[in-house]
């Protein structure tokens, strides 16, 4: 696909299957995205109740999960 960088693709040219680091990276990305979605959803629910609270800890945790996945991907190379 032309819109993806080579390092973000599931497979590199010549690879037979994705490495463990890439699988952990994509799983961490999905988990981090779900954490952000739930944090934003919680913000809108609390906003509708009159007390908007943005869960900064949840957003920081999502960033940490994503960075751990990114590190696993780079160590797999």
PDB file of N, CA and C in Angstrom:
ATOM      1  N   UNK A   1       0.838  -1.170   0.000  1.00  0.00           N
ATOM      2  CA  UNK A   1       0.000   0.000   0.000  1.00  0.00           C
ATOM      3  C   UNK A   1       0.884   1.234   0.000  1.00  0.00           C
ATOM      4  N   UNK A   2       0.522   2.175  -0.765  1.00  0.00           N
ATOM      5  CA  UNK A   2       1.386   3.342  -0.909  1.00  0.00           C
ATOM      6  C   UNK A   2       1.238   4.323   0.235  1.00  0.00           C
ATOM      7  N   UNK A   3       0.176   4.259   0.991  1.00  0.00           N
ATOM      8  CA  UNK A   3      -0.030   5.240   2.065  1.00  0.00           C
ATOM      9  C   UNK A   3       0.618   4.826   3.374  1.00  0.00           C
ATOM     10  N   UNK A   4       1.195   3.652   3.453  1.00  0.00           N
ATOM     11  CA  UNK A   4       1.889   3.201   4.656  1.00  0.00           C
ATOM     12  C   UNK A   4       3.395   3.317   4.476  1.00  0.00           C
ATOM     13  N   UNK A   5       4.087   3.685   5.549  1.00  0.00           N
ATOM     14  CA  UNK A   5       5.546   3.578   5.535  1.00  0.00           C
ATOM     15  C   UNK A   5       5.916   2.107   5.553  1.00  0.00           C
ATOM     16  N   UNK A   6       7.108   1.814   5.090  1.00  0.00           N
ATOM     17  CA  UNK A   6       7.549   0.428   5.103  1.00  0.00           C
ATOM     18  C   UNK A   6       7.692  -0.108   6.516  1.00  0.00           C
ATOM     19  N   UNK A   7       8.080   0.750   7.465  1.00  0.00           N
ATOM     20  CA  UNK A   7       8.285   0.241   8.817  1.00  0.00           C
ATOM     21  C   UNK A   7       6.969   0.019   9.564  1.00  0.00           C
ATOM     22  N   UNK A   8       5.870   0.587   9.099  1.00  0.00           N
ATOM     23  CA  UNK A   8       4.582   0.375   9.741  1.00  0.00           C
ATOM     24  C   UNK A   8       3.796  -0.769   9.105  1.00  0.00           C
ATOM     25  N   UNK A   9       4.283  -1.318   8.031  1.00  0.00           N
ATOM     26  CA  UNK A   9       3.584  -2.416   7.372  1.00  0.00           C
ATOM     27  C   UNK A   9       3.714  -3.681   8.213  1.00  0.00           C
ATOM     28  N   UNK A  10       2.763  -4.588   8.064  1.00  0.00           N
ATOM     29  CA  UNK A  10       2.811  -5.842   8.815  1.00  0.00           C
ATOM     30  C   UNK A  10       4.043  -6.644   8.444  1.00  0.00           C
ATOM     31  N   UNK A  11       4.341  -6.700   7.153  1.00  0.00           N
ATOM     32  CA  UNK A  11       5.478  -7.485   6.677  1.00  0.00           C
ATOM     33  C   UNK A  11       6.411  -6.588   5.896  1.00  0.00           C
ATOM     34  N   UNK A  12       7.679  -6.867   6.023  1.00  0.00           N
ATOM     35  CA  UNK A  12       8.682  -6.243   5.175  1.00  0.00           C
ATOM     36  C   UNK A  12       8.869  -7.139   3.956  1.00  0.00           C
ATOM     37  N   UNK A  13       9.325  -6.572   2.856  1.00  0.00           N
ATOM     38  CA  UNK A  13       9.560  -7.430   1.693  1.00  0.00           C
ATOM     39  C   UNK A  13      10.545  -8.554   2.036  1.00  0.00           C
ATOM     40  N   UNK A  14      10.175  -9.755   1.715  1.00  0.00           N
ATOM     41  CA  UNK A  14      11.018 -10.908   1.988  1.00  0.00           C
ATOM     42  C   UNK A  14      10.679 -11.627   3.287  1.00  0.00           C
ATOM     43  N   UNK A  15       9.868 -11.028   4.152  1.00  0.00           N
ATOM     44  CA  UNK A  15       9.466 -11.688   5.392  1.00  0.00           C
ATOM     45  C   UNK A  15       8.377 -12.714   5.095  1.00  0.00           C
ATOM     46  N   UNK A  16       8.388 -13.809   5.851  1.00  0.00           N
ATOM     47  CA  UNK A  16       7.364 -14.830   5.670  1.00  0.00           C
ATOM     48  C   UNK A  16       6.180 -14.626   6.602  1.00  0.00           C
ATOM     49  N   UNK A  17       6.414 -14.067   7.761  1.00  0.00           N
ATOM     50  CA  UNK A  17       5.335 -13.806   8.715  1.00  0.00           C
ATOM     51  C   UNK A  17       5.745 -12.625   9.590  1.00  0.00           C
ATOM     52  N   UNK A  18       4.786 -11.954  10.219  1.00  0.00           N
ATOM     53  CA  UNK A  18       5.151 -10.808  11.059  1.00  0.00           C
ATOM     54  C   UNK A  18       5.906 -11.267  12.306  1.00  0.00           C
ATOM     55  N   UNK A  19       6.846 -10.446  12.731  1.00  0.00           N
ATOM     56  CA  UNK A  19       7.598 -10.777  13.931  1.00  0.00           C
ATOM     57  C   UNK A  19       6.787 -10.498  15.182  1.00  0.00           C
ATOM     58  N   UNK A  20       7.274 -10.999  16.294  1.00  0.00           N
ATOM     59  CA  UNK A  20       6.576 -10.812  17.571  1.00  0.00           C
ATOM     60  C   UNK A  20       6.495  -9.333  17.922  1.00  0.00           C
ATOM     61  N   UNK A  21       7.566  -8.592  17.650  1.00  0.00           N
ATOM     62  CA  UNK A  21       7.571  -7.162  17.960  1.00  0.00           C
ATOM     63  C   UNK A  21       6.499  -6.396  17.214  1.00  0.00           C
ATOM     64  N   UNK A  22       6.316  -6.733  15.935  1.00  0.00           N
ATOM     65  CA  UNK A  22       5.272  -6.053  15.148  1.00  0.00           C
ATOM     66  C   UNK A  22       3.874  -6.405  15.649  1.00  0.00           C
ATOM     67  N   UNK A  23       3.667  -7.662  16.022  1.00  0.00           N
ATOM     68  CA  UNK A  23       2.355  -8.069  16.534  1.00  0.00           C
ATOM     69  C   UNK A  23       2.067  -7.348  17.855  1.00  0.00           C
ATOM     70  N   UNK A  24       3.062  -7.283  18.740  1.00  0.00           N
ATOM     71  CA  UNK A  24       2.878  -6.576  20.013  1.00  0.00           C
ATOM     72  C   UNK A  24       2.627  -5.097  19.756  1.00  0.00           C
ATOM     73  N   UNK A  25       3.322  -4.509  18.778  1.00  0.00           N
ATOM     74  CA  UNK A  25       3.107  -3.100  18.440  1.00  0.00           C
ATOM     75  C   UNK A  25       1.669  -2.851  18.004  1.00  0.00           C
ATOM     76  N   UNK A  26       1.163  -3.677  17.103  1.00  0.00           N
ATOM     77  CA  UNK A  26      -0.201  -3.460  16.623  1.00  0.00           C
ATOM     78  C   UNK A  26      -1.231  -3.723  17.723  1.00  0.00           C
ATOM     79  N   UNK A  27      -1.000  -4.712  18.562  1.00  0.00           N
ATOM     80  CA  UNK A  27      -1.915  -4.953  19.685  1.00  0.00           C
ATOM     81  C   UNK A  27      -1.882  -3.788  20.673  1.00  0.00           C
ATOM     82  N   UNK A  28      -0.696  -3.267  20.948  1.00  0.00           N
ATOM     83  CA  UNK A  28      -0.578  -2.117  21.846  1.00  0.00           C
ATOM     84  C   UNK A  28      -1.244  -0.889  21.245  1.00  0.00           C
ATOM     85  N   UNK A  29      -1.152  -0.734  19.937  1.00  0.00           N
ATOM     86  CA  UNK A  29      -1.804   0.395  19.275  1.00  0.00           C
ATOM     87  C   UNK A  29      -3.320   0.293  19.408  1.00  0.00           C
ATOM     88  N   UNK A  30      -3.851  -0.904  19.239  1.00  0.00           N
ATOM     89  CA  UNK A  30      -5.306  -1.102  19.370  1.00  0.00           C
ATOM     90  C   UNK A  30      -5.741  -0.846  20.811  1.00  0.00           C
ATOM     91  N   UNK A  31      -4.994  -1.368  21.781  1.00  0.00           N
ATOM     92  CA  UNK A  31      -5.329  -1.155  23.200  1.00  0.00           C
ATOM     93  C   UNK A  31      -5.260   0.327  23.546  1.00  0.00           C
ATOM     94  N   UNK A  32      -4.215   1.015  23.075  1.00  0.00           N
ATOM     95  CA  UNK A  32      -4.085   2.450  23.350  1.00  0.00           C
ATOM     96  C   UNK A  32      -5.233   3.234  22.719  1.00  0.00           C
ATOM     97  N   UNK A  33      -5.625   2.867  21.513  1.00  0.00           N
ATOM     98  CA  UNK A  33      -6.754   3.554  20.864  1.00  0.00           C
ATOM     99  C   UNK A  33      -8.046   3.338  21.641  1.00  0.00           C
ATOM    100  N   UNK A  34      -8.261   2.124  22.131  1.00  0.00           N
ATOM    101  CA  UNK A  34      -9.458   1.864  22.945  1.00  0.00           C
ATOM    102  C   UNK A  34      -9.435   2.665  24.241  1.00  0.00           C
ATOM    103  N   UNK A  35      -8.262   2.794  24.848  1.00  0.00           N
ATOM    104  CA  UNK A  35      -8.148   3.587  26.074  1.00  0.00           C
ATOM    105  C   UNK A  35      -8.496   5.047  25.809  1.00  0.00           C
ATOM    106  N   UNK A  36      -8.034   5.587  24.692  1.00  0.00           N
ATOM    107  CA  UNK A  36      -8.343   6.980  24.338  1.00  0.00           C
ATOM    108  C   UNK A  36      -9.834   7.130  24.065  1.00  0.00           C
ATOM    109  N   UNK A  37     -10.417   6.172  23.354  1.00  0.00           N
ATOM    110  CA  UNK A  37     -11.854   6.241  23.051  1.00  0.00           C
ATOM    111  C   UNK A  37     -12.676   6.225  24.337  1.00  0.00           C
ATOM    112  N   UNK A  38     -12.324   5.345  25.277  1.00  0.00           N
ATOM    113  CA  UNK A  38     -13.060   5.295  26.543  1.00  0.00           C
ATOM    114  C   UNK A  38     -12.843   6.554  27.374  1.00  0.00           C
ATOM    115  N   UNK A  39     -11.641   7.127  27.360  1.00  0.00           N
ATOM    116  CA  UNK A  39     -11.385   8.364  28.105  1.00  0.00           C
ATOM    117  C   UNK A  39     -12.186   9.522  27.529  1.00  0.00           C
ATOM    118  N   UNK A  40     -12.243   9.614  26.218  1.00  0.00           N
ATOM    119  CA  UNK A  40     -13.026  10.676  25.583  1.00  0.00           C
ATOM    120  C   UNK A  40     -14.516  10.435  25.819  1.00  0.00           C
ATOM    121  N   UNK A  41     -14.953   9.198  25.725  1.00  0.00           N
ATOM    122  CA  UNK A  41     -16.356   8.886  26.009  1.00  0.00           C
ATOM    123  C   UNK A  41     -16.730   9.236  27.438  1.00  0.00           C
ATOM    124  N   UNK A  42     -15.847   8.931  28.393  1.00  0.00           N
ATOM    125  CA  UNK A  42     -16.092   9.276  29.790  1.00  0.00           C
ATOM    126  C   UNK A  42     -16.168  10.788  29.974  1.00  0.00           C
ATOM    127  N   UNK A  43     -15.334  11.525  29.227  1.00  0.00           N
ATOM    128  CA  UNK A  43     -15.381  12.982  29.299  1.00  0.00           C
ATOM    129  C   UNK A  43     -16.740  13.511  28.853  1.00  0.00           C
ATOM    130  N   UNK A  44     -17.245  12.999  27.740  1.00  0.00           N
ATOM    131  CA  UNK A  44     -18.531  13.486  27.243  1.00  0.00           C
ATOM    132  C   UNK A  44     -19.685  13.068  28.150  1.00  0.00           C
ATOM    133  N   UNK A  45     -19.601  11.879  28.747  1.00  0.00           N
ATOM    134  CA  UNK A  45     -20.643  11.462  29.691  1.00  0.00           C
ATOM    135  C   UNK A  45     -20.646  12.353  30.916  1.00  0.00           C
ATOM    136  N   UNK A  46     -19.451  12.638  31.463  1.00  0.00           N
ATOM    137  CA  UNK A  46     -19.388  13.515  32.639  1.00  0.00           C
ATOM    138  C   UNK A  46     -19.744  14.952  32.278  1.00  0.00           C
ATOM    139  N   UNK A  47     -19.479  15.367  31.049  1.00  0.00           N
ATOM    140  CA  UNK A  47     -19.850  16.705  30.602  1.00  0.00           C
ATOM    141  C   UNK A  47     -21.376  16.829  30.544  1.00  0.00           C
ATOM    142  N   UNK A  48     -22.036  15.774  30.098  1.00  0.00           N
ATOM    143  CA  UNK A  48     -23.494  15.791  30.029  1.00  0.00           C
ATOM    144  C   UNK A  48     -24.116  15.822  31.423  1.00  0.00           C
ATOM    145  N   UNK A  49     -23.386  15.311  32.415  1.00  0.00           N
ATOM    146  CA  UNK A  49     -23.879  15.322  33.788  1.00  0.00           C
ATOM    147  C   UNK A  49     -23.520  16.618  34.512  1.00  0.00           C
ATOM    148  N   UNK A  50     -22.812  17.511  33.850  1.00  0.00           N
ATOM    149  CA  UNK A  50     -22.523  18.816  34.420  1.00  0.00           C
ATOM    150  C   UNK A  50     -21.156  18.958  35.064  1.00  0.00           C
ATOM    151  N   UNK A  51     -20.359  17.925  35.074  1.00  0.00           N
ATOM    152  CA  UNK A  51     -19.027  17.994  35.675  1.00  0.00           C
ATOM    153  C   UNK A  51     -18.003  17.395  34.717  1.00  0.00           C
ATOM    154  N   UNK A  52     -17.600  18.177  33.710  1.00  0.00           N
ATOM    155  CA  UNK A  52     -16.649  17.613  32.745  1.00  0.00           C
ATOM    156  C   UNK A  52     -15.269  17.395  33.373  1.00  0.00           C
ATOM    157  N   UNK A  53     -14.808  16.166  33.312  1.00  0.00           N
ATOM    158  CA  UNK A  53     -13.497  15.804  33.837  1.00  0.00           C
ATOM    159  C   UNK A  53     -12.764  15.051  32.737  1.00  0.00           C
ATOM    160  N   UNK A  54     -11.603  15.563  32.352  1.00  0.00           N
ATOM    161  CA  UNK A  54     -10.782  14.880  31.365  1.00  0.00           C
ATOM    162  C   UNK A  54      -9.791  13.997  32.108  1.00  0.00           C
ATOM    163  N   UNK A  55      -9.810  12.732  31.816  1.00  0.00           N
ATOM    164  CA  UNK A  55      -8.951  11.762  32.501  1.00  0.00           C
ATOM    165  C   UNK A  55      -7.554  11.787  31.884  1.00  0.00           C
ATOM    166  N   UNK A  56      -6.715  12.675  32.408  1.00  0.00           N
ATOM    167  CA  UNK A  56      -5.352  12.816  31.906  1.00  0.00           C
ATOM    168  C   UNK A  56      -4.558  11.532  32.139  1.00  0.00           C
ATOM    169  N   UNK A  57      -4.795  10.883  33.276  1.00  0.00           N
ATOM    170  CA  UNK A  57      -4.068   9.650  33.589  1.00  0.00           C
ATOM    171  C   UNK A  57      -4.356   8.577  32.536  1.00  0.00           C
ATOM    172  N   UNK A  58      -5.589   8.495  32.079  1.00  0.00           N
ATOM    173  CA  UNK A  58      -5.936   7.504  31.055  1.00  0.00           C
ATOM    174  C   UNK A  58      -5.235   7.822  29.736  1.00  0.00           C
ATOM    175  N   UNK A  59      -5.137   9.090  29.391  1.00  0.00           N
ATOM    176  CA  UNK A  59      -4.459   9.465  28.151  1.00  0.00           C
ATOM    177  C   UNK A  59      -2.949   9.208  28.245  1.00  0.00           C
ATOM    178  N   UNK A  60      -2.375   9.492  29.413  1.00  0.00           N
ATOM    179  CA  UNK A  60      -0.948   9.217  29.616  1.00  0.00           C
ATOM    180  C   UNK A  60      -0.702   7.707  29.589  1.00  0.00           C
ATOM    181  N   UNK A  61      -1.582   6.940  30.198  1.00  0.00           N
ATOM    182  CA  UNK A  61      -1.443   5.478  30.184  1.00  0.00           C
ATOM    183  C   UNK A  61      -1.539   4.945  28.755  1.00  0.00           C
ATOM    184  N   UNK A  62      -2.436   5.508  27.954  1.00  0.00           N
ATOM    185  CA  UNK A  62      -2.551   5.088  26.556  1.00  0.00           C
ATOM    186  C   UNK A  62      -1.260   5.387  25.801  1.00  0.00           C
ATOM    187  N   UNK A  63      -0.670   6.540  26.068  1.00  0.00           N
ATOM    188  CA  UNK A  63       0.595   6.887  25.420  1.00  0.00           C
ATOM    189  C   UNK A  63       1.711   5.933  25.848  1.00  0.00           C
ATOM    190  N   UNK A  64       1.724   5.553  27.118  1.00  0.00           N
ATOM    191  CA  UNK A  64       2.746   4.628  27.616  1.00  0.00           C
ATOM    192  C   UNK A  64       2.570   3.249  26.973  1.00  0.00           C
ATOM    193  N   UNK A  65       1.344   2.782  26.861  1.00  0.00           N
ATOM    194  CA  UNK A  65       1.081   1.488  26.224  1.00  0.00           C
ATOM    195  C   UNK A  65       1.551   1.513  24.774  1.00  0.00           C
ATOM    196  N   UNK A  66       1.258   2.604  24.072  1.00  0.00           N
ATOM    197  CA  UNK A  66       1.669   2.717  22.676  1.00  0.00           C
ATOM    198  C   UNK A  66       3.194   2.760  22.565  1.00  0.00           C
ATOM    199  N   UNK A  67       3.846   3.495  23.463  1.00  0.00           N
ATOM    200  CA  UNK A  67       5.310   3.571  23.424  1.00  0.00           C
ATOM    201  C   UNK A  67       5.961   2.228  23.733  1.00  0.00           C
ATOM    202  N   UNK A  68       5.371   1.456  24.627  1.00  0.00           N
ATOM    203  CA  UNK A  68       5.894   0.108  24.902  1.00  0.00           C
ATOM    204  C   UNK A  68       5.790  -0.753  23.641  1.00  0.00           C
ATOM    205  N   UNK A  69       4.663  -0.663  22.954  1.00  0.00           N
ATOM    206  CA  UNK A  69       4.517  -1.400  21.696  1.00  0.00           C
ATOM    207  C   UNK A  69       5.508  -0.935  20.646  1.00  0.00           C
ATOM    208  N   UNK A  70       5.724   0.365  20.593  1.00  0.00           N
ATOM    209  CA  UNK A  70       6.688   0.919  19.633  1.00  0.00           C
ATOM    210  C   UNK A  70       8.101   0.418  19.939  1.00  0.00           C
ATOM    211  N   UNK A  71       8.425   0.340  21.219  1.00  0.00           N
ATOM    212  CA  UNK A  71       9.736  -0.167  21.618  1.00  0.00           C
ATOM    213  C   UNK A  71       9.891  -1.643  21.243  1.00  0.00           C
ATOM    214  N   UNK A  72       8.845  -2.423  21.452  1.00  0.00           N
ATOM    215  CA  UNK A  72       8.892  -3.842  21.082  1.00  0.00           C
ATOM    216  C   UNK A  72       9.098  -3.998  19.588  1.00  0.00           C
ATOM    217  N   UNK A  73       8.450  -3.141  18.816  1.00  0.00           N
ATOM    218  CA  UNK A  73       8.611  -3.213  17.358  1.00  0.00           C
ATOM    219  C   UNK A  73      10.034  -2.887  16.950  1.00  0.00           C
ATOM    220  N   UNK A  74      10.631  -1.881  17.585  1.00  0.00           N
ATOM    221  CA  UNK A  74      11.990  -1.505  17.198  1.00  0.00           C
ATOM    222  C   UNK A  74      13.005  -2.552  17.649  1.00  0.00           C
ATOM    223  N   UNK A  75      12.730  -3.250  18.752  1.00  0.00           N
ATOM    224  CA  UNK A  75      13.651  -4.292  19.215  1.00  0.00           C
ATOM    225  C   UNK A  75      13.556  -5.547  18.363  1.00  0.00           C
ATOM    226  N   UNK A  76      12.432  -5.728  17.671  1.00  0.00           N
ATOM    227  CA  UNK A  76      12.232  -6.900  16.838  1.00  0.00           C
ATOM    228  C   UNK A  76      13.065  -6.843  15.565  1.00  0.00           C
ATOM    229  N   UNK A  77      13.431  -5.639  15.146  1.00  0.00           N
ATOM    230  CA  UNK A  77      14.184  -5.475  13.895  1.00  0.00           C
ATOM    231  C   UNK A  77      15.556  -6.000  14.017  1.00  0.00           C
TER     232      UNK A  77
END
